[in-house]
């Protein structure tokens, strides 16, 4: 399972009263999801103008907002299939915005940015296909879930001003872990569905 998966229940419990409070204010989960990706775009711009510490700040705020949308959904009973899809889709836009910004700012070579982006997209795609075509109820196994990637980018951003290769190392590690996650999810899917036939 993902490295931080066992902590998910704990932080969800902590965030529940916060989500309930925001829900009473009329804040909707989808509006928070939208706000989260907009903040990520600002973070991406910060990286593009070579301000990694500011980018890290926006990345942290975006991550908190992304957690908050789920908390509001659970606390107010607004969990929906569309909301889940919307959240996953905008998460990918947020990741692209940040990494493209890192590339535009020349903080990491484009070959590593593309390597990382491709790995993240394929990890997400593998999960989606395992659950839709493969029929699995959940395929969140693997080393690189969003929390891990966020933490690695934050660490890389914080040390970038003192160690110029900080973000390079973080992006390469995220890329490697993402590609490993693809293999893990394929293995998990094969183990659970094997040669099961599907309608064509």
Foldseek 3Di string as FASTA:
>chain_A
DEPCVVCVVVVLVVLQVVLLVVVVVVDALLVLLVVLLVLLLVLLQCLLQPNLLVSLVSLVVSVVSLSSSVSNCVNVVVDDPVSVVSNVVSVLSSLLSNLVSNCNNVLEPPVLSVLLNVLQVLLSVLQVCCVPVLVDVGQPDFHDDPVVLSVLSSQLSVCCVVPSCSNVVSSNVNSVRSNRSNVVSVVVSCVVRPPPDDDD
